[in-house]
Amino acid sequence: MAKKRYRSFITSVLACAAFVAAAIWSWDLPVASVVGYGVLLLVLLLVIVVAALATAAILTWLRDRKKK
């Protein structure tokens, strides 16, 4: 049996997938459109993560520069 933390994550992912599947089925959405939006959201998430990493690197560099 999976640990409780992993069970809640798996349950959340399954619920999300079920909601997307229900939306596709009930609203007659084209699967290609849903996949396109999913890819777009992943790209936007990647941009946000890269921006956060760049900001953290700049702040670390500035903090280390002031210590010297």
PDB file of N, CA and C in Angstrom:
ATOM      1  N   MET A   1       0.844  -1.185   0.000  1.00  0.00           N
ATOM      2  CA  MET A   1       0.000   0.000   0.000  1.00  0.00           C
ATOM      3  C   MET A   1       0.887   1.244   0.000  1.00  0.00           C
ATOM      4  N   ALA A   2       0.494   2.221  -0.749  1.00  0.00           N
ATOM      5  CA  ALA A   2       1.280   3.456  -0.852  1.00  0.00           C
ATOM      6  C   ALA A   2       1.150   4.282   0.425  1.00  0.00           C
ATOM      7  N   LYS A   3       2.148   5.100   0.665  1.00  0.00           N
ATOM      8  CA  LYS A   3       2.089   5.990   1.819  1.00  0.00           C
ATOM      9  C   LYS A   3       0.960   6.988   1.634  1.00  0.00           C
ATOM     10  N   LYS A   4       0.507   7.554   2.747  1.00  0.00           N
ATOM     11  CA  LYS A   4      -0.639   8.460   2.683  1.00  0.00           C
ATOM     12  C   LYS A   4      -0.360   9.666   1.783  1.00  0.00           C
ATOM     13  N   ARG A   5       0.856  10.187   1.838  1.00  0.00           N
ATOM     14  CA  ARG A   5       1.187  11.358   1.026  1.00  0.00           C
ATOM     15  C   ARG A   5       1.055  11.044  -0.461  1.00  0.00           C
ATOM     16  N   TYR A   6       1.528   9.857  -0.848  1.00  0.00           N
ATOM     17  CA  TYR A   6       1.458   9.473  -2.255  1.00  0.00           C
ATOM     18  C   TYR A   6       0.034   9.125  -2.663  1.00  0.00           C
ATOM     19  N   ARG A   7      -0.750   8.546  -1.736  1.00  0.00           N
ATOM     20  CA  ARG A   7      -2.129   8.218  -2.062  1.00  0.00           C
ATOM     21  C   ARG A   7      -2.933   9.468  -2.351  1.00  0.00           C
ATOM     22  N   SER A   8      -2.729  10.527  -1.577  1.00  0.00           N
ATOM     23  CA  SER A   8      -3.481  11.756  -1.817  1.00  0.00           C
ATOM     24  C   SER A   8      -3.058  12.403  -3.134  1.00  0.00           C
ATOM     25  N   PHE A   9      -1.782  12.310  -3.491  1.00  0.00           N
ATOM     26  CA  PHE A   9      -1.320  12.844  -4.772  1.00  0.00           C
ATOM     27  C   PHE A   9      -1.935  12.057  -5.925  1.00  0.00           C
ATOM     28  N   ILE A  10      -1.901  10.742  -5.815  1.00  0.00           N
ATOM     29  CA  ILE A  10      -2.481   9.898  -6.869  1.00  0.00           C
ATOM     30  C   ILE A  10      -3.974  10.155  -6.993  1.00  0.00           C
ATOM     31  N   THR A  11      -4.654  10.302  -5.874  1.00  0.00           N
ATOM     32  CA  THR A  11      -6.088  10.589  -5.898  1.00  0.00           C
ATOM     33  C   THR A  11      -6.362  11.926  -6.578  1.00  0.00           C
ATOM     34  N   SER A  12      -5.560  12.924  -6.299  1.00  0.00           N
ATOM     35  CA  SER A  12      -5.737  14.237  -6.926  1.00  0.00           C
ATOM     36  C   SER A  12      -5.517  14.175  -8.433  1.00  0.00           C
ATOM     37  N   VAL A  13      -4.487  13.457  -8.855  1.00  0.00           N
ATOM     38  CA  VAL A  13      -4.218  13.328 -10.289  1.00  0.00           C
ATOM     39  C   VAL A  13      -5.350  12.587 -10.982  1.00  0.00           C
ATOM     40  N   LEU A  14      -5.846  11.525 -10.376  1.00  0.00           N
ATOM     41  CA  LEU A  14      -6.960  10.777 -10.962  1.00  0.00           C
ATOM     42  C   LEU A  14      -8.227  11.618 -11.029  1.00  0.00           C
ATOM     43  N   ALA A  15      -8.489  12.414  -9.996  1.00  0.00           N
ATOM     44  CA  ALA A  15      -9.665  13.281 -10.009  1.00  0.00           C
ATOM     45  C   ALA A  15      -9.550  14.331 -11.106  1.00  0.00           C
ATOM     46  N   CYS A  16      -8.374  14.891 -11.283  1.00  0.00           N
ATOM     47  CA  CYS A  16      -8.159  15.876 -12.342  1.00  0.00           C
ATOM     48  C   CYS A  16      -8.358  15.247 -13.716  1.00  0.00           C
ATOM     49  N   ALA A  17      -7.806  14.066 -13.912  1.00  0.00           N
ATOM     50  CA  ALA A  17      -7.963  13.376 -15.193  1.00  0.00           C
ATOM     51  C   ALA A  17      -9.432  13.034 -15.445  1.00  0.00           C
ATOM     52  N   ALA A  18     -10.154  12.635 -14.398  1.00  0.00           N
ATOM     53  CA  ALA A  18     -11.576  12.325 -14.555  1.00  0.00           C
ATOM     54  C   ALA A  18     -12.368  13.572 -14.914  1.00  0.00           C
ATOM     55  N   PHE A  19     -12.018  14.701 -14.324  1.00  0.00           N
ATOM     56  CA  PHE A  19     -12.713  15.949 -14.645  1.00  0.00           C
ATOM     57  C   PHE A  19     -12.469  16.338 -16.098  1.00  0.00           C
ATOM     58  N   VAL A  20     -11.240  16.232 -16.554  1.00  0.00           N
ATOM     59  CA  VAL A  20     -10.925  16.566 -17.951  1.00  0.00           C
ATOM     60  C   VAL A  20     -11.655  15.617 -18.893  1.00  0.00           C
ATOM     61  N   ALA A  21     -11.661  14.326 -18.561  1.00  0.00           N
ATOM     62  CA  ALA A  21     -12.365  13.352 -19.399  1.00  0.00           C
ATOM     63  C   ALA A  21     -13.868  13.649 -19.431  1.00  0.00           C
ATOM     64  N   ALA A  22     -14.443  14.019 -18.288  1.00  0.00           N
ATOM     65  CA  ALA A  22     -15.873  14.347 -18.247  1.00  0.00           C
ATOM     66  C   ALA A  22     -16.167  15.603 -19.061  1.00  0.00           C
ATOM     67  N   ALA A  23     -15.263  16.578 -19.028  1.00  0.00           N
ATOM     68  CA  ALA A  23     -15.459  17.796 -19.814  1.00  0.00           C
ATOM     69  C   ALA A  23     -15.395  17.495 -21.302  1.00  0.00           C
ATOM     70  N   ILE A  24     -14.447  16.649 -21.692  1.00  0.00           N
ATOM     71  CA  ILE A  24     -14.331  16.277 -23.110  1.00  0.00           C
ATOM     72  C   ILE A  24     -15.603  15.557 -23.556  1.00  0.00           C
ATOM     73  N   TRP A  25     -16.075  14.636 -22.741  1.00  0.00           N
ATOM     74  CA  TRP A  25     -17.240  13.830 -23.112  1.00  0.00           C
ATOM     75  C   TRP A  25     -18.535  14.650 -23.107  1.00  0.00           C
ATOM     76  N   SER A  26     -18.741  15.445 -22.043  1.00  0.00           N
ATOM     77  CA  SER A  26     -20.027  16.139 -21.908  1.00  0.00           C
ATOM     78  C   SER A  26     -20.148  17.364 -22.812  1.00  0.00           C
ATOM     79  N   TRP A  27     -19.048  18.049 -23.071  1.00  0.00           N
ATOM     80  CA  TRP A  27     -19.104  19.252 -23.900  1.00  0.00           C
ATOM     81  C   TRP A  27     -18.663  19.001 -25.337  1.00  0.00           C
ATOM     82  N   ASP A  28     -18.406  17.767 -25.676  1.00  0.00           N
ATOM     83  CA  ASP A  28     -17.951  17.385 -27.017  1.00  0.00           C
ATOM     84  C   ASP A  28     -16.736  18.201 -27.469  1.00  0.00           C
ATOM     85  N   LEU A  29     -15.794  18.330 -26.566  1.00  0.00           N
ATOM     86  CA  LEU A  29     -14.568  19.056 -26.905  1.00  0.00           C
ATOM     87  C   LEU A  29     -13.664  18.175 -27.760  1.00  0.00           C
ATOM     88  N   PRO A  30     -13.017  18.759 -28.757  1.00  0.00           N
ATOM     89  CA  PRO A  30     -12.048  17.974 -29.516  1.00  0.00           C
ATOM     90  C   PRO A  30     -10.815  17.681 -28.657  1.00  0.00           C
ATOM     91  N   VAL A  31     -10.356  16.458 -28.691  1.00  0.00           N
ATOM     92  CA  VAL A  31      -9.203  16.061 -27.880  1.00  0.00           C
ATOM     93  C   VAL A  31      -7.964  16.847 -28.288  1.00  0.00           C
ATOM     94  N   ALA A  32      -7.827  17.147 -29.557  1.00  0.00           N
ATOM     95  CA  ALA A  32      -6.664  17.917 -30.028  1.00  0.00           C
ATOM     96  C   ALA A  32      -6.624  19.297 -29.375  1.00  0.00           C
ATOM     97  N   SER A  33      -7.785  19.891 -29.198  1.00  0.00           N
ATOM     98  CA  SER A  33      -7.853  21.206 -28.551  1.00  0.00           C
ATOM     99  C   SER A  33      -7.420  21.119 -27.091  1.00  0.00           C
ATOM    100  N   VAL A  34      -7.876  20.088 -26.399  1.00  0.00           N
ATOM    101  CA  VAL A  34      -7.508  19.902 -24.993  1.00  0.00           C
ATOM    102  C   VAL A  34      -6.009  19.651 -24.856  1.00  0.00           C
ATOM    103  N   VAL A  35      -5.464  18.834 -25.745  1.00  0.00           N
ATOM    104  CA  VAL A  35      -4.027  18.558 -25.714  1.00  0.00           C
ATOM    105  C   VAL A  35      -3.237  19.840 -26.005  1.00  0.00           C
ATOM    106  N   GLY A  36      -3.721  20.630 -26.951  1.00  0.00           N
ATOM    107  CA  GLY A  36      -3.049  21.897 -27.262  1.00  0.00           C
ATOM    108  C   GLY A  36      -3.018  22.839 -26.074  1.00  0.00           C
ATOM    109  N   TYR A  37      -4.149  22.951 -25.376  1.00  0.00           N
ATOM    110  CA  TYR A  37      -4.181  23.792 -24.177  1.00  0.00           C
ATOM    111  C   TYR A  37      -3.291  23.223 -23.074  1.00  0.00           C
ATOM    112  N   GLY A  38      -3.242  21.907 -22.969  1.00  0.00           N
ATOM    113  CA  GLY A  38      -2.366  21.294 -21.970  1.00  0.00           C
ATOM    114  C   GLY A  38      -0.906  21.593 -22.236  1.00  0.00           C
ATOM    115  N   VAL A  39      -0.505  21.505 -23.494  1.00  0.00           N
ATOM    116  CA  VAL A  39       0.885  21.829 -23.862  1.00  0.00           C
ATOM    117  C   VAL A  39       1.171  23.303 -23.597  1.00  0.00           C
ATOM    118  N   LEU A  40       0.220  24.160 -23.930  1.00  0.00           N
ATOM    119  CA  LEU A  40       0.391  25.593 -23.678  1.00  0.00           C
ATOM    120  C   LEU A  40       0.561  25.870 -22.185  1.00  0.00           C
ATOM    121  N   LEU A  41      -0.239  25.218 -21.358  1.00  0.00           N
ATOM    122  CA  LEU A  41      -0.122  25.401 -19.911  1.00  0.00           C
ATOM    123  C   LEU A  41       1.219  24.896 -19.386  1.00  0.00           C
ATOM    124  N   LEU A  42       1.704  23.782 -19.931  1.00  0.00           N
ATOM    125  CA  LEU A  42       3.011  23.276 -19.509  1.00  0.00           C
ATOM    126  C   LEU A  42       4.140  24.226 -19.905  1.00  0.00           C
ATOM    127  N   VAL A  43       4.038  24.821 -21.077  1.00  0.00           N
ATOM    128  CA  VAL A  43       5.046  25.795 -21.510  1.00  0.00           C
ATOM    129  C   VAL A  43       5.026  27.025 -20.607  1.00  0.00           C
ATOM    130  N   LEU A  44       3.833  27.507 -20.286  1.00  0.00           N
ATOM    131  CA  LEU A  44       3.734  28.658 -19.384  1.00  0.00           C
ATOM    132  C   LEU A  44       4.283  28.331 -17.994  1.00  0.00           C
ATOM    133  N   LEU A  45       4.013  27.119 -17.522  1.00  0.00           N
ATOM    134  CA  LEU A  45       4.565  26.702 -16.234  1.00  0.00           C
ATOM    135  C   LEU A  45       6.087  26.650 -16.281  1.00  0.00           C
ATOM    136  N   LEU A  46       6.629  26.166 -17.381  1.00  0.00           N
ATOM    137  CA  LEU A  46       8.080  26.123 -17.545  1.00  0.00           C
ATOM    138  C   LEU A  46       8.679  27.526 -17.546  1.00  0.00           C
ATOM    139  N   VAL A  47       8.009  28.474 -18.196  1.00  0.00           N
ATOM    140  CA  VAL A  47       8.477  29.861 -18.209  1.00  0.00           C
ATOM    141  C   VAL A  47       8.487  30.427 -16.789  1.00  0.00           C
ATOM    142  N   ILE A  48       7.455  30.144 -16.023  1.00  0.00           N
ATOM    143  CA  ILE A  48       7.387  30.645 -14.643  1.00  0.00           C
ATOM    144  C   ILE A  48       8.501  30.044 -13.795  1.00  0.00           C
ATOM    145  N   VAL A  49       8.759  28.752 -13.950  1.00  0.00           N
ATOM    146  CA  VAL A  49       9.811  28.098 -13.174  1.00  0.00           C
ATOM    147  C   VAL A  49      11.184  28.660 -13.547  1.00  0.00           C
ATOM    148  N   VAL A  50      11.424  28.857 -14.835  1.00  0.00           N
ATOM    149  CA  VAL A  50      12.713  29.422 -15.271  1.00  0.00           C
ATOM    150  C   VAL A  50      12.878  30.848 -14.744  1.00  0.00           C
ATOM    151  N   ALA A  51      11.813  31.635 -14.772  1.00  0.00           N
ATOM    152  CA  ALA A  51      11.885  33.003 -14.238  1.00  0.00           C
ATOM    153  C   ALA A  51      12.171  32.983 -12.739  1.00  0.00           C
ATOM    154  N   ALA A  52      11.568  32.062 -12.020  1.00  0.00           N
ATOM    155  CA  ALA A  52      11.817  31.959 -10.577  1.00  0.00           C
ATOM    156  C   ALA A  52      13.258  31.548 -10.305  1.00  0.00           C
ATOM    157  N   LEU A  53      13.778  30.599 -11.075  1.00  0.00           N
ATOM    158  CA  LEU A  53      15.172  30.191 -10.892  1.00  0.00           C
ATOM    159  C   LEU A  53      16.140  31.326 -11.220  1.00  0.00           C
ATOM    160  N   ALA A  54      15.846  32.075 -12.268  1.00  0.00           N
ATOM    161  CA  ALA A  54      16.705  33.208 -12.627  1.00  0.00           C
ATOM    162  C   ALA A  54      16.676  34.276 -11.543  1.00  0.00           C
ATOM    163  N   THR A  55      15.505  34.555 -11.013  1.00  0.00           N
ATOM    164  CA  THR A  55      15.387  35.543  -9.934  1.00  0.00           C
ATOM    165  C   THR A  55      16.152  35.092  -8.700  1.00  0.00           C
ATOM    166  N   ALA A  56      16.035  33.816  -8.346  1.00  0.00           N
ATOM    167  CA  ALA A  56      16.770  33.295  -7.187  1.00  0.00           C
ATOM    168  C   ALA A  56      18.271  33.369  -7.415  1.00  0.00           C
ATOM    169  N   ALA A  57      18.719  33.080  -8.625  1.00  0.00           N
ATOM    170  CA  ALA A  57      20.154  33.152  -8.923  1.00  0.00           C
ATOM    171  C   ALA A  57      20.660  34.586  -8.824  1.00  0.00           C
ATOM    172  N   ILE A  58      19.896  35.523  -9.341  1.00  0.00           N
ATOM    173  CA  ILE A  58      20.299  36.937  -9.277  1.00  0.00           C
ATOM    174  C   ILE A  58      20.331  37.419  -7.835  1.00  0.00           C
ATOM    175  N   LEU A  59      19.315  37.074  -7.051  1.00  0.00           N
ATOM    176  CA  LEU A  59      19.290  37.497  -5.648  1.00  0.00           C
ATOM    177  C   LEU A  59      20.440  36.877  -4.864  1.00  0.00           C
ATOM    178  N   THR A  60      20.766  35.619  -5.119  1.00  0.00           N
ATOM    179  CA  THR A  60      21.899  34.977  -4.455  1.00  0.00           C
ATOM    180  C   THR A  60      23.201  35.653  -4.849  1.00  0.00           C
ATOM    181  N   TRP A  61      23.344  35.974  -6.116  1.00  0.00           N
ATOM    182  CA  TRP A  61      24.556  36.645  -6.578  1.00  0.00           C
ATOM    183  C   TRP A  61      24.693  38.013  -5.927  1.00  0.00           C
ATOM    184  N   LEU A  62      23.585  38.764  -5.841  1.00  0.00           N
ATOM    185  CA  LEU A  62      23.644  40.083  -5.203  1.00  0.00           C
ATOM    186  C   LEU A  62      23.966  39.981  -3.721  1.00  0.00           C
ATOM    187  N   ARG A  63      23.388  38.995  -3.037  1.00  0.00           N
ATOM    188  CA  ARG A  63      23.659  38.833  -1.611  1.00  0.00           C
ATOM    189  C   ARG A  63      25.116  38.441  -1.373  1.00  0.00           C
ATOM    190  N   ASP A  64      25.635  37.541  -2.202  1.00  0.00           N
ATOM    191  CA  ASP A  64      27.048  37.133  -2.044  1.00  0.00           C
ATOM    192  C   ASP A  64      28.000  38.269  -2.380  1.00  0.00           C
ATOM    193  N   ARG A  65      27.622  39.128  -3.315  1.00  0.00           N
ATOM    194  CA  ARG A  65      28.473  40.259  -3.699  1.00  0.00           C
ATOM    195  C   ARG A  65      28.559  41.270  -2.568  1.00  0.00           C
ATOM    196  N   LYS A  66      27.466  41.472  -1.835  1.00  0.00           N
ATOM    197  CA  LYS A  66      27.474  42.433  -0.726  1.00  0.00           C
ATOM    198  C   LYS A  66      28.280  41.933   0.466  1.00  0.00           C
ATOM    199  N   LYS A  67      28.396  40.610   0.642  1.00  0.00           N
ATOM    200  CA  LYS A  67      29.141  40.047   1.766  1.00  0.00           C
ATOM    201  C   LYS A  67      30.643  40.222   1.609  1.00  0.00           C
ATOM    202  N   LYS A  68      31.129  40.357   0.383  1.00  0.00           N
ATOM    203  CA  LYS A  68      32.573  40.454   0.149  1.00  0.00           C
ATOM    204  C   LYS A  68      33.080  41.852   0.320  1.00  0.00           C
TER     205      LYS A  68
END
